N, C-alpha and C. Protein backbone atom coordinates (compact mmCIF):
# COMPACT_ATOMS: atom_id res chain seq x y z
N MET A 1 22.17 64.10 13.13
CA MET A 1 22.27 64.58 14.48
C MET A 1 23.26 65.73 14.59
N GLY A 2 24.02 65.98 13.53
CA GLY A 2 24.98 67.06 13.57
C GLY A 2 24.40 68.38 13.11
N GLN A 3 23.12 68.42 12.79
CA GLN A 3 22.49 69.66 12.34
C GLN A 3 22.59 70.73 13.42
N ARG A 4 22.73 71.97 12.99
CA ARG A 4 22.90 73.07 13.93
C ARG A 4 21.77 74.06 13.78
N TRP A 5 21.57 74.89 14.82
CA TRP A 5 20.65 76.01 14.70
C TRP A 5 21.31 76.95 13.70
N ILE A 6 20.84 76.98 12.47
CA ILE A 6 21.53 77.76 11.44
C ILE A 6 21.24 79.25 11.57
N ASN A 7 20.01 79.61 11.84
CA ASN A 7 19.69 81.03 11.96
C ASN A 7 18.56 81.21 12.97
N HIS A 8 18.25 82.46 13.23
CA HIS A 8 17.21 82.77 14.22
C HIS A 8 15.88 82.11 13.87
N GLU A 9 15.54 82.06 12.62
CA GLU A 9 14.26 81.49 12.19
C GLU A 9 14.13 80.05 12.67
N GLU A 10 15.20 79.27 12.60
CA GLU A 10 15.14 77.87 12.99
C GLU A 10 15.11 77.68 14.50
N ARG A 11 15.45 78.71 15.26
CA ARG A 11 15.44 78.60 16.72
C ARG A 11 14.12 79.07 17.30
N ASN A 12 13.21 79.57 16.47
CA ASN A 12 11.97 80.11 17.00
C ASN A 12 11.11 79.05 17.65
N LEU A 13 10.58 79.40 18.81
CA LEU A 13 9.63 78.53 19.48
C LEU A 13 8.32 78.53 18.71
N TYR A 14 7.89 79.70 18.27
CA TYR A 14 6.66 79.83 17.50
C TYR A 14 7.02 80.23 16.08
N PRO A 15 6.53 79.52 15.09
CA PRO A 15 6.80 79.92 13.70
C PRO A 15 6.25 81.32 13.44
N ARG A 16 6.91 82.05 12.56
CA ARG A 16 6.43 83.39 12.20
C ARG A 16 5.01 83.31 11.66
N GLY A 17 4.25 84.36 11.92
CA GLY A 17 2.91 84.44 11.37
C GLY A 17 1.83 83.92 12.31
N MET A 18 2.21 83.42 13.48
CA MET A 18 1.20 82.91 14.41
C MET A 18 0.61 84.04 15.24
N GLY A 19 1.18 85.25 15.14
CA GLY A 19 0.65 86.37 15.90
C GLY A 19 1.01 86.31 17.37
N ILE A 20 2.02 85.53 17.69
CA ILE A 20 2.46 85.38 19.08
C ILE A 20 3.86 85.98 19.17
N ILE A 21 4.18 86.57 20.31
CA ILE A 21 5.52 87.12 20.49
C ILE A 21 6.53 86.01 20.25
N GLU A 22 7.52 86.30 19.44
CA GLU A 22 8.51 85.28 19.13
C GLU A 22 9.45 85.06 20.31
N ILE A 23 9.73 83.81 20.57
CA ILE A 23 10.71 83.46 21.58
C ILE A 23 11.41 82.21 21.06
N ASN A 24 12.72 82.18 21.10
CA ASN A 24 13.38 81.00 20.56
C ASN A 24 13.37 79.86 21.58
N ILE A 25 13.58 78.67 21.09
CA ILE A 25 13.46 77.49 21.94
C ILE A 25 14.45 77.52 23.11
N PRO A 26 15.73 77.82 22.90
CA PRO A 26 16.63 77.86 24.06
C PRO A 26 16.21 78.89 25.11
N ASN A 27 15.82 80.08 24.68
CA ASN A 27 15.39 81.09 25.65
C ASN A 27 14.08 80.68 26.33
N GLY A 28 13.18 80.08 25.57
CA GLY A 28 11.92 79.58 26.14
C GLY A 28 12.17 78.52 27.19
N LEU A 29 13.14 77.63 26.92
CA LEU A 29 13.48 76.58 27.87
C LEU A 29 14.07 77.17 29.14
N LEU A 30 14.96 78.14 29.00
CA LEU A 30 15.57 78.76 30.18
C LEU A 30 14.50 79.45 31.04
N LEU A 31 13.63 80.21 30.40
CA LEU A 31 12.55 80.88 31.12
C LEU A 31 11.64 79.85 31.81
N ALA A 32 11.27 78.80 31.09
CA ALA A 32 10.38 77.77 31.65
C ALA A 32 11.03 77.08 32.85
N ALA A 33 12.32 76.77 32.74
CA ALA A 33 13.03 76.09 33.83
C ALA A 33 13.08 76.97 35.08
N LEU A 34 13.36 78.24 34.91
CA LEU A 34 13.43 79.14 36.06
C LEU A 34 12.06 79.31 36.71
N VAL A 35 11.02 79.46 35.90
CA VAL A 35 9.66 79.58 36.45
C VAL A 35 9.26 78.29 37.15
N HIS A 36 9.59 77.15 36.56
CA HIS A 36 9.22 75.85 37.13
C HIS A 36 9.89 75.63 38.49
N ILE A 37 11.17 75.91 38.57
CA ILE A 37 11.89 75.72 39.83
C ILE A 37 11.37 76.70 40.88
N PHE A 38 11.05 77.93 40.46
CA PHE A 38 10.46 78.91 41.38
C PHE A 38 9.13 78.37 41.92
N GLU A 39 8.30 77.82 41.04
CA GLU A 39 7.00 77.28 41.47
C GLU A 39 7.19 76.10 42.43
N GLU A 40 8.15 75.25 42.15
CA GLU A 40 8.36 74.07 43.00
C GLU A 40 8.88 74.44 44.40
N TYR A 41 9.80 75.40 44.47
CA TYR A 41 10.50 75.63 45.73
C TYR A 41 10.15 76.93 46.44
N VAL A 42 9.60 77.93 45.73
CA VAL A 42 9.35 79.23 46.35
C VAL A 42 7.86 79.51 46.46
N PHE A 43 7.18 79.64 45.34
CA PHE A 43 5.75 79.95 45.37
C PHE A 43 5.00 79.11 44.38
N PRO A 44 4.08 78.29 44.78
CA PRO A 44 3.69 78.09 46.16
C PRO A 44 4.64 77.17 46.92
N GLY A 45 5.60 76.55 46.22
CA GLY A 45 6.57 75.70 46.91
C GLY A 45 5.97 74.37 47.35
N GLY A 46 6.71 73.67 48.19
CA GLY A 46 6.23 72.41 48.73
C GLY A 46 6.69 71.17 47.99
N PHE A 47 7.50 71.37 46.92
CA PHE A 47 7.92 70.21 46.13
C PHE A 47 8.73 69.23 46.96
N GLU A 48 9.68 69.75 47.75
CA GLU A 48 10.54 68.83 48.52
C GLU A 48 9.69 67.88 49.37
N GLU A 49 8.74 68.44 50.09
CA GLU A 49 7.90 67.64 50.98
C GLU A 49 7.09 66.60 50.19
N LYS A 50 6.45 67.03 49.13
CA LYS A 50 5.61 66.11 48.35
C LYS A 50 6.44 65.04 47.66
N PHE A 51 7.62 65.43 47.16
CA PHE A 51 8.49 64.47 46.49
C PHE A 51 9.03 63.45 47.48
N ARG A 52 9.40 63.93 48.68
CA ARG A 52 9.87 63.01 49.72
C ARG A 52 8.77 62.01 50.10
N GLU A 53 7.55 62.51 50.28
CA GLU A 53 6.42 61.62 50.60
C GLU A 53 6.25 60.55 49.53
N MET A 54 6.36 60.98 48.28
CA MET A 54 6.18 60.05 47.16
C MET A 54 7.28 58.98 47.16
N LEU A 55 8.53 59.38 47.38
CA LEU A 55 9.63 58.42 47.34
C LEU A 55 9.72 57.58 48.62
N ASP A 56 9.21 58.10 49.72
CA ASP A 56 9.18 57.31 50.96
C ASP A 56 8.36 56.03 50.75
N ARG A 57 7.35 56.13 49.90
CA ARG A 57 6.50 54.96 49.63
C ARG A 57 7.27 53.82 48.97
N ILE A 58 8.34 54.17 48.25
CA ILE A 58 9.17 53.11 47.65
C ILE A 58 10.51 52.99 48.38
N ASN A 59 10.53 53.50 49.60
CA ASN A 59 11.67 53.33 50.50
C ASN A 59 12.94 54.05 50.04
N LEU A 60 12.80 55.21 49.40
CA LEU A 60 13.96 56.03 49.03
C LEU A 60 13.91 57.32 49.82
N LYS A 61 15.04 57.73 50.32
CA LYS A 61 15.13 58.97 51.10
C LYS A 61 15.83 60.03 50.25
N VAL A 62 15.20 61.21 50.14
CA VAL A 62 15.75 62.31 49.34
C VAL A 62 16.32 63.36 50.27
N THR A 63 17.55 63.78 49.97
CA THR A 63 18.18 64.83 50.76
C THR A 63 18.08 66.16 50.01
N ASN A 64 18.25 67.25 50.74
CA ASN A 64 18.28 68.57 50.10
C ASN A 64 19.42 68.66 49.10
N SER A 65 20.59 68.08 49.46
CA SER A 65 21.71 68.14 48.52
C SER A 65 21.39 67.42 47.22
N TRP A 66 20.69 66.30 47.31
CA TRP A 66 20.32 65.57 46.09
C TRP A 66 19.41 66.43 45.22
N LEU A 67 18.43 67.10 45.83
CA LEU A 67 17.53 67.97 45.08
C LEU A 67 18.29 69.13 44.43
N ILE A 68 19.23 69.72 45.17
CA ILE A 68 20.01 70.84 44.66
C ILE A 68 20.88 70.39 43.49
N VAL A 69 21.60 69.29 43.66
CA VAL A 69 22.48 68.79 42.59
C VAL A 69 21.66 68.44 41.35
N THR A 70 20.52 67.80 41.53
CA THR A 70 19.67 67.44 40.39
C THR A 70 19.25 68.69 39.62
N ASN A 71 18.83 69.73 40.34
CA ASN A 71 18.42 70.96 39.67
C ASN A 71 19.60 71.68 39.02
N ILE A 72 20.75 71.64 39.65
CA ILE A 72 21.94 72.26 39.05
C ILE A 72 22.33 71.54 37.77
N LEU A 73 22.26 70.21 37.78
CA LEU A 73 22.58 69.44 36.56
C LEU A 73 21.61 69.79 35.43
N PHE A 74 20.31 69.86 35.75
CA PHE A 74 19.33 70.19 34.71
C PHE A 74 19.56 71.62 34.20
N LEU A 75 19.75 72.57 35.12
CA LEU A 75 19.98 73.95 34.70
C LEU A 75 21.28 74.08 33.90
N SER A 76 22.28 73.26 34.21
CA SER A 76 23.52 73.26 33.41
C SER A 76 23.23 72.85 31.98
N GLY A 77 22.41 71.83 31.81
CA GLY A 77 22.00 71.41 30.46
C GLY A 77 21.25 72.51 29.75
N VAL A 78 20.35 73.19 30.47
CA VAL A 78 19.57 74.28 29.89
C VAL A 78 20.49 75.43 29.45
N VAL A 79 21.49 75.76 30.28
CA VAL A 79 22.43 76.82 29.93
C VAL A 79 23.28 76.39 28.74
N LEU A 80 23.69 75.13 28.69
CA LEU A 80 24.46 74.65 27.55
C LEU A 80 23.66 74.76 26.25
N VAL A 81 22.35 74.59 26.33
CA VAL A 81 21.51 74.74 25.14
C VAL A 81 21.61 76.18 24.62
N GLN A 82 21.83 77.14 25.52
CA GLN A 82 21.95 78.55 25.11
C GLN A 82 23.18 78.78 24.23
N VAL A 83 24.25 78.03 24.47
CA VAL A 83 25.50 78.27 23.74
C VAL A 83 25.84 77.18 22.74
N ASN A 84 25.29 76.00 22.90
CA ASN A 84 25.55 74.90 21.99
C ASN A 84 24.50 74.93 20.90
N GLU A 85 24.92 75.01 19.67
CA GLU A 85 23.97 75.16 18.58
C GLU A 85 23.52 73.82 17.99
N ASN A 86 23.88 72.72 18.61
CA ASN A 86 23.48 71.42 18.10
C ASN A 86 21.99 71.19 18.38
N VAL A 87 21.21 71.05 17.34
CA VAL A 87 19.75 70.92 17.47
C VAL A 87 19.38 69.66 18.24
N PHE A 88 20.07 68.55 17.98
CA PHE A 88 19.74 67.29 18.66
C PHE A 88 19.96 67.42 20.16
N PHE A 89 21.08 68.02 20.56
CA PHE A 89 21.35 68.22 21.99
C PHE A 89 20.25 69.08 22.62
N GLY A 90 19.92 70.18 21.96
CA GLY A 90 18.87 71.07 22.48
C GLY A 90 17.54 70.35 22.58
N PHE A 91 17.20 69.57 21.57
CA PHE A 91 15.94 68.83 21.57
C PHE A 91 15.90 67.81 22.71
N THR A 92 17.02 67.17 22.97
CA THR A 92 17.10 66.19 24.06
C THR A 92 16.86 66.86 25.41
N ILE A 93 17.45 68.03 25.62
CA ILE A 93 17.25 68.74 26.89
C ILE A 93 15.81 69.24 27.00
N VAL A 94 15.24 69.71 25.90
CA VAL A 94 13.82 70.10 25.92
C VAL A 94 12.97 68.86 26.26
N SER A 95 13.36 67.70 25.78
CA SER A 95 12.64 66.47 26.08
C SER A 95 12.67 66.13 27.56
N VAL A 96 13.77 66.43 28.24
CA VAL A 96 13.85 66.23 29.70
C VAL A 96 12.75 67.06 30.37
N ALA A 97 12.63 68.32 29.96
CA ALA A 97 11.60 69.20 30.53
C ALA A 97 10.21 68.69 30.18
N PHE A 98 10.02 68.24 28.94
CA PHE A 98 8.73 67.72 28.49
C PHE A 98 8.31 66.50 29.32
N ILE A 99 9.24 65.57 29.52
CA ILE A 99 8.98 64.37 30.33
C ILE A 99 8.64 64.80 31.76
N ASN A 100 9.40 65.74 32.29
CA ASN A 100 9.14 66.25 33.64
C ASN A 100 7.73 66.82 33.72
N GLY A 101 7.34 67.56 32.71
CA GLY A 101 5.99 68.13 32.68
C GLY A 101 4.92 67.06 32.66
N LEU A 102 5.13 66.03 31.85
CA LEU A 102 4.16 64.92 31.80
C LEU A 102 4.07 64.21 33.14
N LEU A 103 5.21 64.04 33.81
CA LEU A 103 5.20 63.38 35.12
C LEU A 103 4.47 64.23 36.17
N HIS A 104 4.64 65.55 36.11
CA HIS A 104 3.90 66.43 37.03
C HIS A 104 2.40 66.31 36.77
N MET A 105 2.02 66.30 35.51
CA MET A 105 0.59 66.16 35.17
C MET A 105 0.07 64.81 35.67
N GLY A 106 0.83 63.77 35.39
CA GLY A 106 0.41 62.43 35.81
C GLY A 106 0.27 62.31 37.31
N LYS A 107 1.22 62.85 38.05
CA LYS A 107 1.15 62.79 39.51
C LYS A 107 -0.05 63.57 40.03
N SER A 108 -0.32 64.73 39.45
CA SER A 108 -1.48 65.52 39.88
C SER A 108 -2.79 64.81 39.57
N ILE A 109 -2.86 64.19 38.42
CA ILE A 109 -4.07 63.45 38.05
C ILE A 109 -4.24 62.25 38.98
N HIS A 110 -3.14 61.52 39.22
CA HIS A 110 -3.18 60.35 40.10
C HIS A 110 -3.60 60.73 41.51
N ALA A 111 -3.04 61.83 42.03
CA ALA A 111 -3.33 62.26 43.40
C ALA A 111 -4.65 63.05 43.49
N ARG A 112 -5.16 63.46 42.34
CA ARG A 112 -6.37 64.28 42.27
C ARG A 112 -6.23 65.59 43.04
N ARG A 113 -5.00 66.12 42.99
CA ARG A 113 -4.75 67.42 43.61
C ARG A 113 -3.48 68.02 42.99
N TYR A 114 -3.27 69.28 43.33
CA TYR A 114 -2.10 70.01 42.83
C TYR A 114 -0.82 69.36 43.34
N PHE A 115 0.13 69.15 42.45
CA PHE A 115 1.47 68.70 42.81
C PHE A 115 2.41 69.83 42.42
N PRO A 116 3.26 70.32 43.34
CA PRO A 116 4.10 71.48 43.07
C PRO A 116 4.86 71.39 41.74
N GLY A 117 4.69 72.41 40.93
CA GLY A 117 5.29 72.46 39.60
C GLY A 117 4.29 72.21 38.49
N LEU A 118 3.06 71.88 38.85
CA LEU A 118 2.04 71.52 37.86
C LEU A 118 1.73 72.66 36.88
N VAL A 119 1.57 73.87 37.37
CA VAL A 119 1.14 74.98 36.51
C VAL A 119 2.20 75.26 35.44
N SER A 120 3.45 75.39 35.85
CA SER A 120 4.51 75.65 34.86
C SER A 120 4.72 74.44 33.96
N ALA A 121 4.52 73.25 34.48
CA ALA A 121 4.63 72.05 33.64
C ALA A 121 3.56 72.07 32.55
N ALA A 122 2.33 72.37 32.95
CA ALA A 122 1.21 72.35 32.01
C ALA A 122 1.27 73.49 30.99
N PHE A 123 1.71 74.67 31.43
CA PHE A 123 1.66 75.83 30.54
C PHE A 123 3.01 76.20 29.91
N LEU A 124 4.09 75.59 30.36
CA LEU A 124 5.39 75.90 29.78
C LEU A 124 6.10 74.66 29.25
N TYR A 125 6.38 73.68 30.12
CA TYR A 125 7.15 72.51 29.69
C TYR A 125 6.43 71.69 28.62
N ILE A 126 5.18 71.38 28.84
CA ILE A 126 4.47 70.52 27.87
C ILE A 126 4.28 71.23 26.53
N PRO A 127 3.79 72.49 26.51
CA PRO A 127 3.69 73.16 25.21
C PRO A 127 5.04 73.32 24.51
N LEU A 128 6.10 73.63 25.27
CA LEU A 128 7.43 73.75 24.69
C LEU A 128 7.85 72.43 24.05
N GLY A 129 7.58 71.33 24.74
CA GLY A 129 7.91 70.01 24.20
C GLY A 129 7.13 69.70 22.94
N ILE A 130 5.84 69.96 22.95
CA ILE A 130 5.00 69.68 21.78
C ILE A 130 5.44 70.53 20.59
N ILE A 131 5.65 71.81 20.83
CA ILE A 131 6.08 72.70 19.74
C ILE A 131 7.43 72.26 19.21
N SER A 132 8.33 71.83 20.09
CA SER A 132 9.64 71.35 19.64
C SER A 132 9.50 70.08 18.81
N ILE A 133 8.68 69.16 19.25
CA ILE A 133 8.48 67.92 18.50
C ILE A 133 7.96 68.22 17.10
N VAL A 134 7.03 69.15 17.02
CA VAL A 134 6.40 69.47 15.74
C VAL A 134 7.32 70.31 14.84
N SER A 135 8.07 71.26 15.42
CA SER A 135 8.74 72.25 14.58
C SER A 135 10.24 72.09 14.41
N VAL A 136 10.91 71.39 15.31
CA VAL A 136 12.36 71.29 15.19
C VAL A 136 12.71 70.44 13.97
N LYS A 137 13.72 70.90 13.25
CA LYS A 137 14.10 70.24 12.00
C LYS A 137 15.06 69.09 12.26
N LEU A 138 14.49 67.98 12.70
CA LEU A 138 15.21 66.73 12.88
C LEU A 138 14.39 65.63 12.20
N THR A 139 15.04 64.52 11.89
CA THR A 139 14.31 63.39 11.32
C THR A 139 13.47 62.74 12.42
N LEU A 140 12.53 61.91 12.03
CA LEU A 140 11.69 61.20 13.00
C LEU A 140 12.56 60.36 13.94
N LEU A 141 13.54 59.66 13.39
CA LEU A 141 14.44 58.85 14.22
C LEU A 141 15.19 59.72 15.22
N GLU A 142 15.70 60.87 14.79
CA GLU A 142 16.41 61.77 15.70
C GLU A 142 15.48 62.28 16.80
N LYS A 143 14.23 62.56 16.45
CA LYS A 143 13.27 63.02 17.47
C LYS A 143 12.99 61.90 18.47
N VAL A 144 12.80 60.68 17.99
CA VAL A 144 12.55 59.55 18.89
C VAL A 144 13.77 59.35 19.80
N LEU A 145 14.97 59.38 19.22
CA LEU A 145 16.19 59.22 20.03
C LEU A 145 16.33 60.36 21.04
N GLY A 146 15.97 61.58 20.65
CA GLY A 146 16.02 62.71 21.56
C GLY A 146 15.06 62.56 22.73
N ILE A 147 13.86 62.06 22.45
CA ILE A 147 12.87 61.85 23.52
C ILE A 147 13.32 60.71 24.43
N VAL A 148 13.83 59.63 23.85
CA VAL A 148 14.34 58.52 24.67
C VAL A 148 15.53 59.01 25.51
N GLY A 149 16.39 59.82 24.90
CA GLY A 149 17.51 60.40 25.65
C GLY A 149 17.02 61.28 26.78
N GLY A 150 15.97 62.06 26.53
CA GLY A 150 15.38 62.89 27.57
C GLY A 150 14.82 62.06 28.71
N MET A 151 14.19 60.95 28.36
CA MET A 151 13.66 60.05 29.40
C MET A 151 14.80 59.48 30.23
N ALA A 152 15.87 59.08 29.55
CA ALA A 152 17.02 58.50 30.26
C ALA A 152 17.67 59.54 31.18
N LEU A 153 17.87 60.75 30.66
CA LEU A 153 18.47 61.80 31.49
C LEU A 153 17.59 62.15 32.67
N HIS A 154 16.29 62.10 32.47
CA HIS A 154 15.38 62.39 33.58
C HIS A 154 15.44 61.29 34.63
N ALA A 155 15.69 60.06 34.21
CA ALA A 155 15.71 58.92 35.13
C ALA A 155 17.04 58.79 35.89
N VAL A 156 18.11 59.31 35.35
CA VAL A 156 19.44 59.12 35.95
C VAL A 156 19.50 59.53 37.42
N PRO A 157 19.03 60.72 37.81
CA PRO A 157 19.14 61.08 39.24
C PRO A 157 18.42 60.10 40.17
N LEU A 158 17.26 59.60 39.75
CA LEU A 158 16.55 58.63 40.60
C LEU A 158 17.29 57.29 40.65
N LEU A 159 17.87 56.89 39.54
CA LEU A 159 18.63 55.63 39.54
C LEU A 159 19.86 55.76 40.45
N VAL A 160 20.54 56.90 40.37
CA VAL A 160 21.70 57.13 41.24
C VAL A 160 21.26 57.09 42.70
N LEU A 161 20.14 57.73 43.01
CA LEU A 161 19.62 57.74 44.38
C LEU A 161 19.29 56.31 44.83
N ALA A 162 18.65 55.54 43.97
CA ALA A 162 18.29 54.16 44.32
C ALA A 162 19.53 53.31 44.57
N ILE A 163 20.54 53.45 43.71
CA ILE A 163 21.77 52.67 43.88
C ILE A 163 22.48 53.09 45.16
N TYR A 164 22.59 54.39 45.39
CA TYR A 164 23.23 54.90 46.60
C TYR A 164 22.49 54.41 47.84
N PHE A 165 21.18 54.54 47.81
CA PHE A 165 20.38 54.17 48.97
C PHE A 165 20.51 52.67 49.26
N ASN A 166 20.48 51.84 48.22
CA ASN A 166 20.58 50.39 48.41
C ASN A 166 21.96 49.99 48.93
N ARG A 167 23.00 50.69 48.51
CA ARG A 167 24.35 50.37 49.00
C ARG A 167 24.54 50.84 50.43
N ARG A 168 23.94 51.98 50.74
CA ARG A 168 24.13 52.56 52.07
C ARG A 168 23.27 51.87 53.12
N PHE A 169 22.06 51.49 52.72
CA PHE A 169 21.11 50.89 53.65
C PHE A 169 20.54 49.59 53.07
N PRO A 170 21.37 48.54 52.99
CA PRO A 170 20.86 47.29 52.41
C PRO A 170 19.72 46.72 53.25
N SER A 171 18.82 46.01 52.57
CA SER A 171 17.65 45.43 53.26
C SER A 171 18.04 44.31 54.17
């Protein structure tokens, strides 16, 4: 888990020779995160409303501050990937985006309609996650731990919201 991005070649999102413009994983993640958040909140937007509707069904109330803090925390992790050369840490943060992408796909399939963030999830987060799983130089155990860590990090904001909501508004 202490392995580092040793050189540019190991940070590539696409291996050389694929005929695709090279972009390294940290930069790809930053670009994907910015595009995804833009899609959710600006164009076409609507994420706040759809997410609130979804959580209202399980009796959780989402505030704008909660959404802002959650996105700031995720973007902080993405920015740290830019400067932290630890491959395991970077893979774990990419896994958060990958899990988020799968959840967007799942929600859209379940609802049988577009869920804000779907396009960037399908074309950026999920491919980035798959390419990272296949190409990042970590052991199988490290990859599994990174994905589990990504799932846990993705779940933390909702768990915090649930605990806060239950303490503030007991049944």
